[in-house]
Amino acid sequence: QVQVEESGGGLVQAGGSLGLSCAASGSVSRINVIGWYLQAPGKQRELVASISSSDSTNYADSVKGRFTISRGNAKNTVLLQMNSLKPEDTGVYYCNVNLVFQGRNYWGQGTQVTVSS
C-alpha cells in the first residue's frame, strides 16, 4: 500500500506565497509522475503541475510563471512553490502519485489553500 500525504496549505492574501509538500511512503515502487491537482469550489479537479521521473515538468497555463514544482530533499517528496497567488487559486490541492507498475494512482487527502482578495 502507498500513502500520500500533503502539507503546507493555509490562508494567504492575494499576491502572497505558499509552499506545499507531498510525500509518498509505503510500498512505493518506481514512480512515473507526481502531480498537484486543484479542486476549486464547484469545479472539477484539474492538473496544476506535474514532475516526471526524468524531472520533466508540466504546468497549467493559469499558473505558468507563478508556480514551481520541484523535488524535495527527502526521497519521494515533491514541493509546489506558489507565488503571486490569486483568489482563483483557492481550493483543495491534491497530490497524485502515479506508479509505473500497472499505472496505479494514489491520492492524498488534500490540503486547503485559501487566497483572500
N, C-alpha and C. Protein backbone atom coordinates (compact mmCIF):
# COMPACT_ATOMS: atom_id res chain seq x y z
N GLN A 1 0.84 -1.19 0.00
CA GLN A 1 0.00 0.00 0.00
C GLN A 1 0.88 1.24 0.00
N VAL A 2 0.39 2.28 -0.68
CA VAL A 2 1.11 3.54 -0.79
C VAL A 2 0.32 4.61 -0.06
N GLN A 3 1.01 5.39 0.74
CA GLN A 3 0.38 6.52 1.42
C GLN A 3 0.93 7.80 0.82
N VAL A 4 0.01 8.75 0.61
CA VAL A 4 0.38 10.06 0.07
C VAL A 4 -0.11 11.11 1.05
N GLU A 5 0.78 11.98 1.45
CA GLU A 5 0.42 13.00 2.44
C GLU A 5 0.84 14.37 1.96
N GLU A 6 -0.11 15.30 1.98
CA GLU A 6 0.17 16.68 1.62
C GLU A 6 0.26 17.53 2.88
N SER A 7 0.99 18.60 2.78
CA SER A 7 1.05 19.56 3.89
C SER A 7 1.38 20.93 3.33
N GLY A 8 1.09 21.95 4.13
CA GLY A 8 1.52 23.29 3.77
C GLY A 8 0.43 24.25 3.33
N GLY A 9 -0.82 23.82 3.31
CA GLY A 9 -1.88 24.73 2.91
C GLY A 9 -2.13 25.79 3.96
N GLY A 10 -3.05 26.71 3.64
CA GLY A 10 -3.38 27.75 4.60
C GLY A 10 -4.09 28.91 3.95
N LEU A 11 -4.14 30.00 4.69
CA LEU A 11 -4.81 31.22 4.24
C LEU A 11 -3.75 32.28 3.94
N VAL A 12 -3.89 32.91 2.79
CA VAL A 12 -2.93 33.93 2.39
C VAL A 12 -3.64 35.02 1.60
N GLN A 13 -3.12 36.22 1.66
CA GLN A 13 -3.69 37.31 0.88
C GLN A 13 -3.24 37.23 -0.57
N ALA A 14 -4.03 37.79 -1.45
CA ALA A 14 -3.67 37.83 -2.86
C ALA A 14 -2.29 38.49 -3.02
N GLY A 15 -1.49 37.89 -3.88
CA GLY A 15 -0.12 38.37 -4.08
C GLY A 15 0.90 37.68 -3.20
N GLY A 16 0.42 36.92 -2.23
CA GLY A 16 1.32 36.23 -1.32
C GLY A 16 1.80 34.91 -1.87
N SER A 17 2.52 34.17 -1.01
CA SER A 17 3.13 32.90 -1.41
C SER A 17 2.82 31.80 -0.39
N LEU A 18 2.78 30.59 -0.89
CA LEU A 18 2.64 29.41 -0.05
C LEU A 18 3.45 28.28 -0.67
N GLY A 19 3.93 27.37 0.19
CA GLY A 19 4.60 26.19 -0.31
C GLY A 19 3.89 24.94 0.16
N LEU A 20 3.69 24.01 -0.75
CA LEU A 20 3.05 22.74 -0.43
C LEU A 20 4.08 21.62 -0.56
N SER A 21 3.88 20.58 0.23
CA SER A 21 4.77 19.43 0.18
C SER A 21 3.94 18.15 0.04
N CYS A 22 4.45 17.22 -0.76
CA CYS A 22 3.80 15.93 -0.94
C CYS A 22 4.83 14.84 -0.69
N ALA A 23 4.47 13.90 0.16
CA ALA A 23 5.39 12.80 0.48
C ALA A 23 4.68 11.47 0.26
N ALA A 24 5.32 10.60 -0.51
CA ALA A 24 4.80 9.26 -0.75
C ALA A 24 5.61 8.27 0.07
N SER A 25 4.89 7.34 0.72
CA SER A 25 5.57 6.35 1.55
C SER A 25 4.87 5.01 1.43
N GLY A 26 5.47 3.98 2.02
CA GLY A 26 4.89 2.65 1.94
C GLY A 26 5.53 1.85 0.83
N SER A 27 4.72 1.05 0.16
CA SER A 27 5.22 0.16 -0.90
C SER A 27 5.37 0.92 -2.21
N VAL A 28 6.24 1.92 -2.20
CA VAL A 28 6.44 2.76 -3.38
C VAL A 28 7.48 2.11 -4.27
N SER A 29 7.03 1.69 -5.44
CA SER A 29 7.97 1.16 -6.42
C SER A 29 8.39 2.31 -7.33
N ARG A 30 8.60 2.03 -8.59
CA ARG A 30 9.03 3.10 -9.48
C ARG A 30 7.90 4.09 -9.73
N ILE A 31 8.20 5.35 -9.50
CA ILE A 31 7.22 6.41 -9.72
C ILE A 31 7.35 6.94 -11.13
N ASN A 32 6.22 7.05 -11.79
CA ASN A 32 6.21 7.58 -13.15
C ASN A 32 6.13 9.11 -13.12
N VAL A 33 5.15 9.61 -12.39
CA VAL A 33 4.96 11.06 -12.33
C VAL A 33 4.22 11.40 -11.03
N ILE A 34 4.52 12.55 -10.50
CA ILE A 34 3.79 13.09 -9.34
C ILE A 34 3.18 14.41 -9.77
N GLY A 35 1.91 14.57 -9.47
CA GLY A 35 1.22 15.78 -9.90
C GLY A 35 0.44 16.43 -8.77
N TRP A 36 0.29 17.72 -8.88
CA TRP A 36 -0.57 18.50 -7.99
C TRP A 36 -1.82 18.90 -8.75
N TYR A 37 -2.96 18.68 -8.11
CA TYR A 37 -4.25 18.99 -8.70
C TYR A 37 -5.00 19.96 -7.79
N LEU A 38 -5.79 20.82 -8.40
CA LEU A 38 -6.63 21.76 -7.67
C LEU A 38 -8.09 21.44 -7.92
N GLN A 39 -8.84 21.34 -6.83
CA GLN A 39 -10.29 21.25 -6.95
C GLN A 39 -10.86 22.51 -6.34
N ALA A 40 -11.19 23.45 -7.21
CA ALA A 40 -11.79 24.70 -6.76
C ALA A 40 -13.25 24.46 -6.41
N PRO A 41 -13.83 25.32 -5.59
CA PRO A 41 -15.24 25.14 -5.19
C PRO A 41 -16.16 25.04 -6.39
N GLY A 42 -16.94 23.99 -6.45
CA GLY A 42 -17.90 23.81 -7.52
C GLY A 42 -17.32 23.40 -8.86
N LYS A 43 -16.03 23.07 -8.88
CA LYS A 43 -15.38 22.71 -10.14
C LYS A 43 -14.76 21.33 -10.06
N GLN A 44 -14.39 20.81 -11.22
CA GLN A 44 -13.72 19.51 -11.28
C GLN A 44 -12.26 19.68 -10.90
N ARG A 45 -11.69 18.57 -10.49
CA ARG A 45 -10.28 18.56 -10.15
C ARG A 45 -9.46 18.70 -11.43
N GLU A 46 -8.49 19.61 -11.39
CA GLU A 46 -7.68 19.88 -12.58
C GLU A 46 -6.20 19.85 -12.23
N LEU A 47 -5.40 19.43 -13.20
CA LEU A 47 -3.96 19.38 -13.02
C LEU A 47 -3.39 20.79 -12.95
N VAL A 48 -2.55 21.02 -11.95
CA VAL A 48 -1.87 22.30 -11.79
C VAL A 48 -0.42 22.19 -12.28
N ALA A 49 0.26 21.15 -11.80
CA ALA A 49 1.66 20.96 -12.17
C ALA A 49 2.04 19.51 -11.94
N SER A 50 3.01 19.04 -12.70
CA SER A 50 3.49 17.67 -12.52
C SER A 50 4.98 17.60 -12.81
N ILE A 51 5.60 16.55 -12.26
CA ILE A 51 7.01 16.31 -12.50
C ILE A 51 7.20 14.82 -12.73
N SER A 52 7.92 14.49 -13.79
CA SER A 52 8.09 13.09 -14.16
C SER A 52 9.35 12.51 -13.52
N SER A 53 9.54 11.22 -13.74
CA SER A 53 10.72 10.54 -13.21
C SER A 53 12.00 11.09 -13.82
N SER A 54 11.90 11.67 -14.99
CA SER A 54 13.07 12.28 -15.64
C SER A 54 13.17 13.76 -15.35
N ASP A 55 12.36 14.23 -14.38
CA ASP A 55 12.35 15.63 -13.95
C ASP A 55 11.78 16.58 -15.00
N SER A 56 11.03 16.05 -15.92
CA SER A 56 10.32 16.91 -16.85
C SER A 56 9.10 17.48 -16.13
N THR A 57 8.88 18.79 -16.29
CA THR A 57 7.78 19.44 -15.59
C THR A 57 6.72 19.92 -16.56
N ASN A 58 5.52 20.03 -16.03
CA ASN A 58 4.38 20.46 -16.84
C ASN A 58 3.50 21.34 -15.96
N TYR A 59 3.00 22.44 -16.52
CA TYR A 59 2.18 23.38 -15.75
C TYR A 59 0.92 23.74 -16.51
N ALA A 60 -0.14 23.97 -15.76
CA ALA A 60 -1.35 24.54 -16.35
C ALA A 60 -1.03 25.97 -16.77
N ASP A 61 -1.65 26.43 -17.84
CA ASP A 61 -1.39 27.78 -18.32
C ASP A 61 -1.65 28.83 -17.25
N SER A 62 -2.63 28.56 -16.42
CA SER A 62 -3.04 29.56 -15.42
C SER A 62 -1.99 29.79 -14.34
N VAL A 63 -1.03 28.86 -14.20
CA VAL A 63 -0.04 29.01 -13.13
C VAL A 63 1.38 29.18 -13.65
N LYS A 64 1.56 29.13 -14.95
CA LYS A 64 2.91 29.28 -15.51
C LYS A 64 3.52 30.61 -15.10
N GLY A 65 4.76 30.56 -14.65
CA GLY A 65 5.45 31.75 -14.22
C GLY A 65 5.19 32.12 -12.77
N ARG A 66 4.21 31.45 -12.14
CA ARG A 66 3.90 31.74 -10.73
C ARG A 66 4.18 30.54 -9.82
N PHE A 67 3.95 29.34 -10.32
CA PHE A 67 4.14 28.12 -9.52
C PHE A 67 5.37 27.37 -10.01
N THR A 68 6.04 26.72 -9.07
CA THR A 68 7.20 25.90 -9.41
C THR A 68 7.10 24.57 -8.69
N ILE A 69 7.19 23.48 -9.44
CA ILE A 69 7.20 22.15 -8.86
C ILE A 69 8.64 21.65 -8.87
N SER A 70 9.03 20.99 -7.77
CA SER A 70 10.40 20.51 -7.68
C SER A 70 10.45 19.32 -6.73
N ARG A 71 11.58 18.66 -6.71
CA ARG A 71 11.76 17.52 -5.82
C ARG A 71 12.30 18.00 -4.47
N GLY A 72 11.77 17.41 -3.41
CA GLY A 72 12.27 17.72 -2.09
C GLY A 72 13.54 16.95 -1.79
N ASN A 73 14.15 17.27 -0.67
CA ASN A 73 15.38 16.59 -0.28
C ASN A 73 15.12 15.14 0.10
N ALA A 74 13.99 14.87 0.72
CA ALA A 74 13.66 13.51 1.12
C ALA A 74 13.20 12.71 -0.10
N LYS A 75 13.43 11.43 -0.09
CA LYS A 75 13.04 10.58 -1.19
C LYS A 75 11.53 10.59 -1.37
N ASN A 76 11.10 10.58 -2.62
CA ASN A 76 9.67 10.54 -2.95
C ASN A 76 8.89 11.72 -2.38
N THR A 77 9.55 12.89 -2.34
CA THR A 77 8.90 14.11 -1.88
C THR A 77 8.93 15.14 -3.00
N VAL A 78 7.80 15.81 -3.18
CA VAL A 78 7.70 16.83 -4.21
C VAL A 78 7.13 18.10 -3.58
N LEU A 79 7.67 19.23 -3.99
CA LEU A 79 7.25 20.52 -3.46
C LEU A 79 6.53 21.32 -4.54
N LEU A 80 5.62 22.17 -4.12
CA LEU A 80 4.97 23.11 -5.03
C LEU A 80 5.06 24.49 -4.40
N GLN A 81 5.88 25.35 -4.99
CA GLN A 81 6.01 26.73 -4.53
C GLN A 81 5.04 27.59 -5.32
N MET A 82 4.16 28.26 -4.61
CA MET A 82 3.13 29.07 -5.25
C MET A 82 3.35 30.53 -4.90
N ASN A 83 3.64 31.35 -5.90
CA ASN A 83 3.87 32.78 -5.73
C ASN A 83 2.80 33.58 -6.45
N SER A 84 2.71 34.83 -6.10
CA SER A 84 1.73 35.74 -6.72
C SER A 84 0.35 35.11 -6.75
N LEU A 85 -0.07 34.60 -5.62
CA LEU A 85 -1.34 33.87 -5.55
C LEU A 85 -2.52 34.79 -5.84
N LYS A 86 -3.53 34.20 -6.46
CA LYS A 86 -4.75 34.90 -6.83
C LYS A 86 -5.95 34.22 -6.14
N PRO A 87 -7.04 34.94 -5.96
CA PRO A 87 -8.22 34.32 -5.36
C PRO A 87 -8.68 33.07 -6.11
N GLU A 88 -8.48 33.05 -7.41
CA GLU A 88 -8.90 31.87 -8.20
C GLU A 88 -8.01 30.66 -7.98
N ASP A 89 -6.94 30.80 -7.23
CA ASP A 89 -6.11 29.66 -6.85
C ASP A 89 -6.68 28.94 -5.62
N THR A 90 -7.75 29.47 -5.09
CA THR A 90 -8.37 28.89 -3.90
C THR A 90 -8.99 27.53 -4.18
N GLY A 91 -8.82 26.61 -3.24
CA GLY A 91 -9.41 25.29 -3.35
C GLY A 91 -8.60 24.27 -2.58
N VAL A 92 -8.94 23.01 -2.80
CA VAL A 92 -8.20 21.92 -2.18
C VAL A 92 -7.17 21.40 -3.17
N TYR A 93 -5.95 21.35 -2.72
CA TYR A 93 -4.85 20.85 -3.56
C TYR A 93 -4.57 19.40 -3.19
N TYR A 94 -4.59 18.55 -4.19
CA TYR A 94 -4.35 17.12 -4.01
C TYR A 94 -3.05 16.72 -4.70
N CYS A 95 -2.35 15.81 -4.06
CA CYS A 95 -1.16 15.24 -4.68
C CYS A 95 -1.51 13.86 -5.22
N ASN A 96 -1.07 13.59 -6.42
CA ASN A 96 -1.29 12.30 -7.06
C ASN A 96 0.05 11.66 -7.39
N VAL A 97 0.19 10.41 -7.01
CA VAL A 97 1.41 9.65 -7.31
C VAL A 97 1.02 8.53 -8.29
N ASN A 98 1.63 8.57 -9.45
CA ASN A 98 1.37 7.58 -10.47
C ASN A 98 2.57 6.64 -10.59
N LEU A 99 2.33 5.35 -10.41
CA LEU A 99 3.41 4.37 -10.46
C LEU A 99 3.54 3.75 -11.85
N VAL A 100 4.75 3.34 -12.17
CA VAL A 100 4.98 2.65 -13.43
C VAL A 100 4.22 1.33 -13.45
N PHE A 101 4.19 0.62 -12.29
CA PHE A 101 3.53 -0.67 -12.18
C PHE A 101 2.04 -0.53 -12.38
N GLN A 102 1.56 -1.02 -13.50
CA GLN A 102 0.13 -1.01 -13.83
C GLN A 102 -0.47 0.38 -13.86
N GLY A 103 0.34 1.38 -13.85
CA GLY A 103 -0.18 2.74 -13.91
C GLY A 103 -1.04 3.12 -12.72
N ARG A 104 -0.79 2.50 -11.59
CA ARG A 104 -1.62 2.75 -10.41
C ARG A 104 -1.47 4.18 -9.93
N ASN A 105 -2.60 4.73 -9.48
CA ASN A 105 -2.65 6.10 -8.97
C ASN A 105 -3.00 6.10 -7.49
N TYR A 106 -2.36 6.96 -6.75
CA TYR A 106 -2.65 7.13 -5.33
C TYR A 106 -2.81 8.62 -5.04
N TRP A 107 -3.84 8.92 -4.26
CA TRP A 107 -4.16 10.31 -3.94
C TRP A 107 -3.98 10.56 -2.45
N GLY A 108 -3.59 11.79 -2.14
CA GLY A 108 -3.58 12.23 -0.76
C GLY A 108 -4.96 12.74 -0.36
N GLN A 109 -5.07 13.16 0.88
CA GLN A 109 -6.35 13.65 1.42
C GLN A 109 -6.62 15.08 0.99
N GLY A 110 -5.61 15.77 0.54
CA GLY A 110 -5.79 17.15 0.10
C GLY A 110 -5.45 18.15 1.19
N THR A 111 -5.08 19.33 0.77
CA THR A 111 -4.79 20.42 1.70
C THR A 111 -5.44 21.70 1.17
N GLN A 112 -6.10 22.42 2.06
CA GLN A 112 -6.87 23.60 1.67
C GLN A 112 -5.96 24.82 1.51
N VAL A 113 -6.15 25.50 0.39
CA VAL A 113 -5.48 26.79 0.15
C VAL A 113 -6.57 27.82 -0.09
N THR A 114 -6.53 28.89 0.69
CA THR A 114 -7.50 29.96 0.53
C THR A 114 -6.74 31.27 0.31
N VAL A 115 -7.06 31.93 -0.81
CA VAL A 115 -6.43 33.20 -1.15
C VAL A 115 -7.49 34.28 -1.07
N SER A 116 -7.30 35.20 -0.16
CA SER A 116 -8.28 36.27 0.03
C SER A 116 -7.92 37.48 -0.82
N SER A 117 -8.95 38.18 -1.28
CA SER A 117 -8.72 39.34 -2.15
C SER A 117 -8.56 40.61 -1.34
